Amino acid sequence: MEKQQNLRLPLKQESVKVHTEGRFSAGLLWGILLSIPLWISIIGWFMSFTR
């Protein structure tokens, strides 16, 4: 019983680690995708303001 518990613990930690890494990369991707139109609009607004 004790041997089985020792094998189960690292698997749980590994799955948690992979899940958080996947969530982080997905969040980073969404952040970049959402910030592109924002930067374009800021640059466009700034260019029209300086004319």
C-alpha atoms as a PDB file:
ATOM      1  CA  MET A   1       0.000   0.000   0.000  1.00  0.00           C
ATOM      2  CA  GLU A   2       2.816   2.409   0.909  1.00  0.00           C
ATOM      3  CA  LYS A   3       4.654   1.661  -2.347  1.00  0.00           C
ATOM      4  CA  GLN A   4       1.555   2.490  -4.405  1.00  0.00           C
ATOM      5  CA  GLN A   5       1.160   5.842  -2.628  1.00  0.00           C
ATOM      6  CA  ASN A   6       4.768   6.778  -3.370  1.00  0.00           C
ATOM      7  CA  LEU A   7       4.204   6.096  -7.070  1.00  0.00           C
ATOM      8  CA  ARG A   8       0.975   8.099  -7.178  1.00  0.00           C
ATOM      9  CA  LEU A   9       2.406  11.334  -5.707  1.00  0.00           C
ATOM     10  CA  PRO A  10       4.948  12.288  -8.436  1.00  0.00           C
ATOM     11  CA  LEU A  11       2.368  11.600 -11.171  1.00  0.00           C
ATOM     12  CA  LYS A  12      -0.036  14.044  -9.519  1.00  0.00           C
ATOM     13  CA  GLN A  13       2.641  16.762  -9.278  1.00  0.00           C
ATOM     14  CA  GLU A  14       3.674  16.212 -12.908  1.00  0.00           C
ATOM     15  CA  SER A  15       0.111  16.572 -14.212  1.00  0.00           C
ATOM     16  CA  VAL A  16      -0.378  19.756 -12.176  1.00  0.00           C
ATOM     17  CA  LYS A  17       2.903  21.190 -13.525  1.00  0.00           C
ATOM     18  CA  VAL A  18       1.965  20.463 -17.149  1.00  0.00           C
ATOM     19  CA  HIS A  19      -1.530  21.926 -16.655  1.00  0.00           C
ATOM     20  CA  THR A  20      -0.224  25.217 -15.242  1.00  0.00           C
ATOM     21  CA  GLU A  21       2.409  25.508 -17.999  1.00  0.00           C
ATOM     22  CA  GLY A  22      -0.260  24.959 -20.650  1.00  0.00           C
ATOM     23  CA  ARG A  23      -2.520  27.549 -19.036  1.00  0.00           C
ATOM     24  CA  PHE A  24       0.350  30.062 -18.862  1.00  0.00           C
ATOM     25  CA  SER A  25       1.277  29.658 -22.540  1.00  0.00           C
ATOM     26  CA  ALA A  26      -2.395  29.916 -23.565  1.00  0.00           C
ATOM     27  CA  GLY A  27      -2.771  33.094 -21.485  1.00  0.00           C
ATOM     28  CA  LEU A  28       0.374  34.556 -23.032  1.00  0.00           C
ATOM     29  CA  LEU A  29      -0.911  33.758 -26.541  1.00  0.00           C
ATOM     30  CA  TRP A  30      -4.301  35.358 -25.831  1.00  0.00           C
ATOM     31  CA  GLY A  31      -2.586  38.397 -24.304  1.00  0.00           C
ATOM     32  CA  ILE A  32      -0.473  38.894 -27.437  1.00  0.00           C
ATOM     33  CA  LEU A  33      -3.463  38.395 -29.760  1.00  0.00           C
ATOM     34  CA  LEU A  34      -5.562  40.904 -27.815  1.00  0.00           C
ATOM     35  CA  SER A  35      -2.768  43.477 -27.514  1.00  0.00           C
ATOM     36  CA  ILE A  36      -2.010  43.631 -31.287  1.00  0.00           C
ATOM     37  CA  PRO A  37      -5.233  45.545 -32.218  1.00  0.00           C
ATOM     38  CA  LEU A  38      -4.776  47.710 -29.123  1.00  0.00           C
ATOM     39  CA  TRP A  39      -1.252  48.745 -30.177  1.00  0.00           C
ATOM     40  CA  ILE A  40      -2.425  49.384 -33.766  1.00  0.00           C
ATOM     41  CA  SER A  41      -5.221  51.649 -32.495  1.00  0.00           C
ATOM     42  CA  ILE A  42      -2.845  53.513 -30.141  1.00  0.00           C
ATOM     43  CA  ILE A  43      -0.317  54.071 -32.953  1.00  0.00           C
ATOM     44  CA  GLY A  44      -3.111  55.137 -35.348  1.00  0.00           C
ATOM     45  CA  TRP A  45      -4.564  57.549 -32.780  1.00  0.00           C
ATOM     46  CA  PHE A  46      -1.124  58.994 -32.030  1.00  0.00           C
ATOM     47  CA  MET A  47      -0.367  59.480 -35.767  1.00  0.00           C
ATOM     48  CA  SER A  48      -3.679  61.218 -36.383  1.00  0.00           C
ATOM     49  CA  PHE A  49      -3.100  63.406 -33.309  1.00  0.00           C
ATOM     50  CA  THR A  50       0.370  64.549 -34.445  1.00  0.00           C
ATOM     51  CA  ARG A  51      -0.820  65.566 -37.962  1.00  0.00           C
END
